[in-house]
Protein backbone atom coordinates (compact mmCIF):
# COMPACT_ATOMS: atom_id res chain seq x y z
CA MET A 1 0.00 0.00 0.00
CA VAL A 2 1.57 3.28 -1.12
CA SER A 3 0.63 6.65 0.35
CA THR A 4 3.10 9.41 1.17
CA GLU A 5 0.57 10.66 3.73
CA TYR A 6 -0.06 8.24 6.61
CA PRO A 7 -0.89 8.72 10.31
CA PRO A 8 0.27 10.36 12.48
CA ILE A 9 0.58 12.72 9.48
CA THR A 10 -2.77 14.47 9.32
CA GLY A 11 -4.85 14.39 6.15
CA GLY A 12 -7.76 12.64 4.50
CA VAL A 13 -5.75 10.37 2.16
CA GLY A 14 -3.59 9.05 5.00
CA ARG A 15 -6.62 8.47 7.21
CA TYR A 16 -8.38 6.62 4.38
CA THR A 17 -5.29 4.48 3.75
CA GLU A 18 -4.97 3.51 7.41
CA ASN A 19 -8.63 2.49 7.70
CA LEU A 20 -8.49 0.49 4.49
CA THR A 21 -5.27 -1.24 5.58
CA LYS A 22 -6.77 -2.23 8.94
CA SER A 23 -9.88 -3.64 7.26
CA LEU A 24 -7.84 -5.63 4.72
CA LYS A 25 -5.78 -7.15 7.53
CA LYS A 26 -9.02 -8.20 9.25
CA LEU A 27 -9.76 -10.26 6.11
CA GLY A 28 -6.43 -12.05 6.60
CA MET A 29 -4.45 -10.16 4.00
CA GLU A 30 -0.77 -9.35 4.49
CA VAL A 31 -0.40 -5.60 3.88
CA TYR A 32 2.75 -3.46 4.01
CA VAL A 33 2.55 0.35 3.91
CA ALA A 34 5.14 2.61 2.25
CA CYS A 35 4.91 6.28 3.23
CA ASN A 36 6.82 9.36 4.41
CA GLU A 37 9.30 9.20 7.31
CA ALA A 38 6.80 11.00 9.55
CA GLY A 39 4.18 8.29 9.01
CA LYS A 40 4.10 5.00 10.92
CA GLY A 41 4.15 2.69 7.91
CA ASP A 42 6.33 -0.37 7.36
CA PHE A 43 8.59 1.40 4.86
CA SER A 44 9.51 5.07 4.43
CA GLY A 45 11.47 7.26 2.03
CA LEU A 46 8.61 8.80 0.03
CA SER A 47 8.19 12.56 -0.14
CA PRO A 48 6.66 15.18 -2.45
CA GLN A 49 10.18 16.64 -2.67
CA ASN A 50 11.93 13.37 -3.49
CA ASP A 51 12.48 12.96 -7.22
CA LYS A 52 13.71 9.40 -6.49
CA ASN A 53 10.35 8.11 -5.20
CA SER A 54 10.24 5.55 -8.01
CA GLN A 55 13.60 4.10 -7.05
CA VAL A 56 12.50 3.91 -3.39
CA LEU A 57 9.40 1.94 -4.36
CA LEU A 58 11.21 -0.37 -6.77
CA LYS A 59 13.68 -1.24 -4.00
CA ILE A 60 10.83 -2.04 -1.59
CA VAL A 61 9.10 -4.24 -4.16
CA ASP A 62 12.33 -6.08 -4.82
CA SER A 63 12.85 -6.72 -1.10
CA ILE A 64 9.40 -8.07 -0.16
CA LYS A 65 8.15 -9.30 -3.57
CA PRO A 66 4.43 -8.54 -3.05
CA ASP A 67 1.65 -10.00 -5.20
CA LEU A 68 0.65 -6.47 -6.17
CA VAL A 69 1.06 -2.80 -5.29
CA HIS A 70 -1.83 -0.45 -4.52
CA ILE A 71 -1.12 3.27 -4.92
CA GLN A 72 -3.29 5.93 -3.31
CA TYR A 73 -2.79 8.52 -6.02
CA GLU A 74 -2.90 12.27 -5.53
CA PRO A 75 -0.16 13.92 -7.64
CA GLY A 76 0.88 16.48 -5.03
CA MET A 77 1.69 13.72 -2.56
CA TYR A 78 4.46 12.32 -4.76
CA GLY A 79 5.88 15.48 -6.31
CA SER A 80 6.10 16.49 -9.95
CA SER A 81 8.14 18.31 -12.55
CA ASN A 82 5.90 20.46 -14.75
CA ASN A 83 6.64 21.87 -18.20
CA PRO A 84 3.98 24.49 -19.07
CA LYS A 85 5.25 24.70 -22.65
CA ASN A 86 4.72 21.00 -23.30
CA SER A 87 2.06 18.99 -21.49
CA ARG A 88 3.87 15.78 -22.44
CA GLY A 89 6.98 17.09 -20.72
CA SER A 90 5.38 17.06 -17.27
CA GLU A 91 5.82 14.09 -14.97
CA THR A 92 5.33 12.93 -11.41
CA TYR A 93 8.11 11.41 -9.33
CA ILE A 94 6.48 7.95 -9.49
CA ASP A 95 6.05 7.75 -13.28
CA LEU A 96 9.13 5.54 -13.59
CA PHE A 97 7.71 3.17 -10.99
CA TYR A 98 4.51 2.79 -13.01
CA SER A 99 6.47 1.79 -16.09
CA LYS A 100 9.00 -0.48 -14.29
CA CYS A 101 6.99 -2.13 -11.49
CA PRO A 102 7.31 -5.92 -11.97
CA VAL A 103 3.97 -6.78 -10.27
CA PRO A 104 0.38 -5.68 -11.00
CA LEU A 105 -0.60 -2.15 -9.97
CA ILE A 106 -3.90 -0.89 -8.57
CA THR A 107 -4.51 2.88 -8.48
CA THR A 108 -7.07 4.73 -6.36
CA TYR A 109 -7.70 8.26 -7.63
CA HIS A 110 -8.13 10.90 -4.94
CA THR A 111 -7.99 13.87 -7.33
CA ALA A 112 -9.83 14.63 -10.57
CA PHE A 113 -10.92 18.08 -11.74
CA THR A 114 -12.74 19.67 -14.63
CA LEU A 115 -10.83 22.39 -16.49
CA LYS A 116 -13.07 25.03 -14.89
CA GLN A 117 -12.25 23.82 -11.37
CA TRP A 118 -8.57 23.51 -12.23
CA LEU A 119 -8.40 27.11 -13.43
CA SER A 120 -10.34 28.39 -10.43
CA GLN A 121 -7.52 27.14 -8.19
CA ALA A 122 -4.83 28.87 -10.20
CA GLU A 123 -5.39 32.47 -8.99
CA LEU A 124 -4.99 33.63 -12.56
CA ILE A 125 -5.78 37.30 -12.27
CA LYS A 126 -3.30 39.60 -10.58
CA LYS A 127 -2.55 43.30 -11.09
CA SER A 128 -0.68 43.79 -14.33
CA GLY A 129 -0.55 45.88 -17.45
CA LYS A 130 -3.23 45.39 -20.11
CA ALA A 131 -3.06 44.47 -23.73
CA LYS A 132 -4.48 47.74 -25.12
CA GLN A 133 -6.41 46.39 -28.08
CA LEU A 134 -8.10 43.61 -26.11
CA GLY A 135 -8.52 45.26 -22.76
CA ILE A 136 -7.47 41.97 -21.12
CA PRO A 137 -4.54 41.76 -18.68
CA LEU A 138 -1.62 40.28 -20.59
CA ARG A 139 -0.53 38.36 -17.53
CA PHE A 140 -3.96 36.74 -17.41
CA LEU A 141 -3.60 35.47 -20.99
CA VAL A 142 -0.16 34.03 -20.26
CA ARG A 143 -1.31 32.37 -17.06
CA PHE A 144 -4.47 31.01 -18.70
CA TRP A 145 -2.37 29.39 -21.42
CA LYS A 146 0.11 28.02 -18.88
CA TYR A 147 -2.50 26.49 -16.55
CA SER A 148 -4.52 25.08 -19.45
CA LEU A 149 -1.44 23.18 -20.61
CA LEU A 150 -0.76 21.98 -17.05
CA TYR A 151 -4.34 20.72 -16.88
CA ARG A 152 -3.74 18.68 -20.03
CA ALA A 153 -0.64 17.23 -18.37
CA PHE A 154 -2.65 16.41 -15.22
CA GLN A 155 -5.32 14.64 -17.29
CA ASN A 156 -2.73 12.78 -19.34
CA GLN A 157 -0.98 11.57 -16.20
CA ASN A 158 -4.27 10.23 -14.79
CA LYS A 159 -5.03 8.37 -18.01
CA GLU A 160 -1.50 6.99 -18.36
CA LYS A 161 -1.56 5.61 -14.83
CA LEU A 162 -4.94 4.05 -15.45
CA ALA A 163 -3.58 2.37 -18.59
CA LEU A 164 -0.60 0.97 -16.63
CA SER A 165 -2.79 -0.31 -13.80
CA LYS A 166 -4.65 -3.60 -13.65
CA GLU A 167 -7.55 -1.63 -12.19
CA GLY A 168 -8.37 1.94 -11.23
CA ILE A 169 -10.59 2.69 -8.22
CA VAL A 170 -12.70 5.84 -7.86
CA PHE A 171 -15.21 7.09 -5.30
CA SER A 172 -17.92 8.19 -7.74
CA GLN A 173 -19.26 7.80 -11.28
CA TYR A 174 -18.38 11.47 -11.75
CA THR A 175 -14.68 10.75 -11.15
CA SER A 176 -14.78 7.70 -13.41
CA LYS A 177 -16.03 9.82 -16.29
CA LEU A 178 -13.34 12.46 -15.72
CA ILE A 179 -10.43 10.03 -15.87
CA GLY A 180 -11.97 7.70 -18.43
CA GLY A 181 -12.55 4.59 -16.34
CA GLY A 182 -12.12 2.96 -12.95
CA LYS A 183 -14.33 0.83 -10.74
CA VAL A 184 -16.50 2.73 -8.26
CA ILE A 185 -15.96 1.73 -4.64
CA TYR A 186 -17.34 4.30 -2.25
CA HIS A 187 -15.04 5.95 0.27
CA GLY A 188 -15.36 3.88 3.45
CA ALA A 189 -16.70 5.64 6.53
CA GLU A 190 -17.86 4.45 9.94
CA PRO A 191 -18.37 6.00 13.36
CA ALA A 192 -15.38 5.44 15.62
CA LEU A 193 -17.55 5.22 18.74
CA SER A 194 -19.02 1.79 19.56
CA THR A 195 -21.96 3.37 21.40
CA VAL A 196 -24.00 6.15 19.81
CA PRO A 197 -24.09 9.03 22.29
CA ASN A 198 -27.20 11.04 23.04
CA LYS A 199 -27.06 14.21 20.93
CA LYS A 200 -27.22 16.47 23.96
CA ASP A 201 -24.40 14.54 25.63
CA ALA A 202 -22.29 14.85 22.49
CA ARG A 203 -22.90 18.59 22.40
CA ARG A 204 -22.19 18.95 26.09
CA SER A 205 -18.79 17.27 25.62
CA LEU A 206 -17.93 19.92 23.00
CA SER A 207 -19.51 22.86 24.90
CA LEU A 208 -22.09 23.33 22.14
CA PRO A 209 -25.65 24.61 22.69
CA GLU A 210 -27.90 21.71 23.65
CA GLY A 211 -31.35 23.23 23.19
CA GLY A 212 -34.16 23.29 25.72
CA GLU A 213 -36.65 20.75 27.01
CA LYS A 214 -39.49 21.97 24.78
CA GLU A 215 -39.76 21.19 21.08
CA GLU A 216 -39.76 24.86 20.13
CA GLU A 217 -36.43 25.24 21.89
CA ASP A 218 -34.71 22.53 19.79
CA ILE A 219 -31.44 23.52 18.15
CA ARG A 220 -30.18 22.03 14.92
CA ILE A 221 -26.51 22.26 13.99
CA ALA A 222 -25.06 22.46 10.48
CA LEU A 223 -21.40 21.48 10.58
CA ALA A 224 -18.63 22.94 8.38
CA LEU A 225 -15.45 20.93 8.76
CA GLY A 226 -12.04 20.75 7.11
CA TYR A 227 -8.87 22.59 6.18
CA LYS A 228 -8.87 26.37 6.51
CA THR A 229 -8.44 27.11 2.80
CA SER A 230 -10.38 29.17 0.27
CA ASN A 231 -11.47 26.05 -1.66
CA LYS A 232 -13.82 25.16 1.21
CA GLY A 233 -15.94 28.16 0.22
CA TRP A 234 -16.74 29.22 3.77
CA ASP A 235 -16.75 32.89 2.75
CA ILE A 236 -20.47 32.58 1.89
CA LEU A 237 -21.31 31.54 5.46
CA ARG A 238 -21.07 35.14 6.63
CA LYS A 239 -24.37 36.06 4.92
CA ILE A 240 -26.34 32.82 5.30
CA LYS A 241 -29.79 33.21 6.86
CA LEU A 242 -30.70 30.15 8.86
CA PRO A 243 -34.14 28.74 9.70
CA GLN A 244 -35.36 29.22 13.25
CA GLY A 245 -33.31 27.19 15.72
CA TRP A 246 -30.35 26.43 13.44
CA ARG A 247 -26.70 27.20 14.17
CA ILE A 248 -23.53 26.73 12.12
CA VAL A 249 -20.57 25.09 13.85
CA ILE A 250 -17.12 25.35 12.26
CA ASN A 251 -14.03 23.30 13.02
CA SER A 252 -10.96 23.86 10.87
CA SER A 253 -7.36 22.70 10.80
CA LYS A 254 -4.20 23.89 9.12
CA SER A 255 -3.41 22.39 5.72
CA HIS A 256 0.09 21.10 4.96
CA TYR A 257 -0.35 21.84 1.25
CA ASN A 258 -2.18 25.17 1.00
CA THR A 259 -1.91 28.54 2.70
CA GLU A 260 -4.79 30.03 4.65
CA SER A 261 -6.38 32.59 2.39
CA TYR A 262 -8.96 34.30 4.56
CA LYS A 263 -9.50 35.21 8.19
CA MET A 264 -12.07 33.24 10.18
CA ASN A 265 -12.73 36.20 12.46
CA GLU A 266 -14.26 38.16 9.57
CA ILE A 267 -16.82 35.41 9.00
CA LEU A 268 -17.61 35.11 12.71
CA ARG A 269 -18.14 38.85 13.08
CA SER A 270 -20.55 38.87 10.14
CA ASN A 271 -22.81 36.04 11.33
CA LYS A 272 -23.66 35.67 15.00
CA ASN A 273 -25.18 32.21 14.38
CA ILE A 274 -21.72 30.72 13.71
CA ILE A 275 -19.72 28.97 16.43
CA ASP A 276 -16.04 28.20 15.81
CA ILE A 277 -14.95 25.45 18.21
CA GLN A 278 -11.25 25.65 17.18
CA LYS A 279 -10.41 22.00 17.89
CA GLY A 280 -8.01 21.53 14.96
CA PHE A 281 -7.39 18.11 13.44
CA LEU A 282 -9.42 15.62 15.48
CA SER A 283 -8.84 12.03 16.55
CA GLU A 284 -11.25 9.45 15.12
CA GLU A 285 -13.22 9.35 18.39
CA ASP A 286 -13.49 13.13 18.75
CA LEU A 287 -14.46 13.45 15.09
CA SER A 288 -17.28 10.95 15.62
CA MET A 289 -18.48 12.88 18.65
CA LEU A 290 -18.56 16.08 16.59
CA PHE A 291 -20.61 14.43 13.84
CA TYR A 292 -23.02 13.00 16.41
CA SER A 293 -23.54 16.49 17.80
CA ALA A 294 -24.68 17.79 14.39
CA ASP A 295 -27.79 17.46 12.22
CA ALA A 296 -26.30 18.20 8.77
CA VAL A 297 -23.06 19.19 7.07
CA LEU A 298 -22.38 22.23 4.90
CA LEU A 299 -20.05 21.76 1.90
CA PRO A 300 -19.98 25.05 -0.03
CA TYR A 301 -16.78 24.00 -1.83
CA LYS A 302 -15.44 25.96 -4.77
CA VAL A 303 -13.47 22.92 -5.96
CA THR A 304 -13.61 19.23 -5.11
CA ALA A 305 -12.57 15.91 -6.54
CA GLY A 306 -14.47 14.11 -3.78
CA SER A 307 -15.27 14.62 -0.14
CA GLY A 308 -14.30 12.39 2.76
CA VAL A 309 -16.26 14.77 5.01
CA MET A 310 -19.45 14.03 3.05
CA PHE A 311 -18.95 10.27 3.40
CA ASP A 312 -18.17 10.61 7.11
CA ALA A 313 -21.29 12.68 7.61
CA ILE A 314 -23.45 10.10 5.83
CA ALA A 315 -21.91 7.33 7.97
CA HIS A 316 -23.12 9.25 11.04
CA GLY A 317 -26.61 9.68 9.59
CA LEU A 318 -26.25 13.30 8.44
CA PRO A 319 -27.57 14.75 5.16
CA PHE A 320 -25.66 17.56 3.43
CA VAL A 321 -26.09 20.89 1.69
CA ALA A 322 -23.34 21.32 -0.90
CA SER A 323 -22.37 23.46 -3.86
CA ASP A 324 -23.52 22.22 -7.26
CA LEU A 325 -20.26 20.58 -8.28
CA GLY A 326 -20.45 17.35 -10.27
CA PHE A 327 -19.38 15.13 -7.37
CA PHE A 328 -22.03 16.46 -4.97
CA LYS A 329 -24.76 16.44 -7.63
CA GLU A 330 -24.26 12.68 -8.04
CA PHE A 331 -25.11 12.07 -4.39
CA SER A 332 -27.81 14.72 -4.05
CA ALA A 333 -29.57 12.95 -6.96
CA GLN A 334 -29.76 9.92 -4.64
CA GLY A 335 -31.60 11.96 -2.02
CA LEU A 336 -28.70 12.19 0.42
CA GLY A 337 -28.67 15.97 0.52
CA ILE A 338 -29.17 19.10 -1.55
CA SER A 339 -26.78 20.64 -4.08
CA SER A 340 -27.13 24.37 -4.59
CA LYS A 341 -25.54 27.30 -6.38
CA ARG A 342 -22.68 28.59 -4.28
CA THR A 343 -24.23 31.82 -3.03
CA SER A 344 -25.39 32.79 0.44
CA LYS A 345 -28.96 33.22 -0.80
CA ASP A 346 -29.12 29.82 -2.52
CA PHE A 347 -27.52 28.06 0.44
CA SER A 348 -29.98 29.77 2.80
CA ASN A 349 -32.87 28.47 0.71
CA ALA A 350 -31.33 24.98 0.52
CA ILE A 351 -31.01 24.78 4.31
CA LYS A 352 -34.67 25.82 4.62
CA ARG A 353 -35.64 23.01 2.22
CA LEU A 354 -33.59 20.55 4.25
CA ASP A 355 -35.24 21.75 7.43
CA THR A 356 -38.72 21.28 5.95
CA ASP A 357 -38.09 17.73 4.61
CA TYR A 358 -35.45 16.71 7.15
CA ASP A 359 -36.89 13.29 8.03
CA HIS A 360 -37.02 12.33 4.33
CA TYR A 361 -33.31 13.04 3.84
CA VAL A 362 -32.32 11.29 7.07
CA LYS A 363 -34.11 8.13 5.95
CA ARG A 364 -32.33 8.08 2.58
CA VAL A 365 -29.00 8.59 4.35
CA ALA A 366 -29.73 5.73 6.79
CA ASP A 367 -30.35 3.35 3.87
CA PHE A 368 -27.26 4.46 1.93
CA LYS A 369 -24.70 4.44 4.75
CA LYS A 370 -24.67 0.63 4.87
CA LYS A 371 -22.67 0.73 1.63
CA LEU A 372 -19.85 2.63 3.36
CA SER A 373 -18.84 0.05 5.98
CA TRP A 374 -15.11 -0.65 5.89
CA ASP A 375 -15.80 -4.41 5.84
CA SER A 376 -17.77 -3.95 2.60
CA VAL A 377 -15.12 -1.65 1.11
CA ALA A 378 -12.31 -4.08 2.03
CA THR A 379 -14.18 -7.07 0.55
CA GLN A 380 -14.62 -5.22 -2.74
CA HIS A 381 -10.90 -4.41 -2.77
CA GLN A 382 -10.03 -8.03 -2.05
CA SER A 383 -11.98 -9.12 -5.15
CA ILE A 384 -10.03 -6.64 -7.29
CA TYR A 385 -6.70 -7.76 -5.83
CA THR A 386 -7.49 -11.43 -6.46
CA ALA A 387 -8.47 -10.78 -10.07
CA ALA A 388 -5.35 -8.65 -10.65
CA ALA A 389 -2.94 -11.15 -9.07
CA PHE A 390 -4.31 -14.18 -10.93
CA SER A 391 -4.51 -12.43 -14.29
CA SER A 392 -0.85 -11.39 -14.24
């Protein structure tokens, strides 16, 4: 199992990899993890800055001779060399491993973007001179061309790795269409607490408002959770108008890959119905307690390839309100939540709709979450591994 990110390194890919590894071992499989030095895997030496990642992996494969290798693939985790003038000249630091690995490869894709989402991350427009005839900043045109070529490289790398793998694994039909294939196995998610706490007890443990004894004093909590980056889209929370009795609870943590691009205090000052609990990156148990204290999750993302938070929320019985990105639209179409235009007004209306039909959404979530058990996810992986090993 290959993932640069692995606990105690914080991050969704590492957390996913650890849970999958544990579940595969429960099925009797022998699993070795290769990761960064800061992670507690069986082998180390991988880093986004190490242009010899391929050699590290080839050496590991030679030493333990596994039946196959499963790579949790997110390009930034392994490092890359990009050539904006030639999309074919860009490469990641594990490309050589894909071409030289002597045993079957399985690739799980954690990142896939449309061109529009890719460009929205690029911060294209900055102050510059203008091309007089066009009235368009010249720097914008140059950057647009550069990032468009890099997107082609990103897409090509995804497709090349899929072609060199015995199987690709994705978390949604949306992702499968973007990369041109891959078997859909949903992101596993389960509560970490063996006993479901009473909602008021869960809130009390986090010093959150519990509500009163009477029905009209009930409080519902919409949870916004994740890294403190602009892609989370929390800027629209400042103007959201909530139905009677609702509150927004935020918990954010520092990202290792992106800089913080806005100040939380500005959002909190603008909306008195927001509570920032400032717990940072949570343990599995504390994360479960936070989900059990909530009634829904808010996902106003500007960009997403997937969402572990959404799957975790569903596993705890929570519906979502999310921006109308392709990934979220796939799951809102199954009645698990509502996708909405990413504006404060549209999100306000979506939360009102959720409030009105809340029991309907909760029932759909309860039916769907059975598909997310780690035992089910591991069994599906085992079938893929068996087919890959015996077809080699």
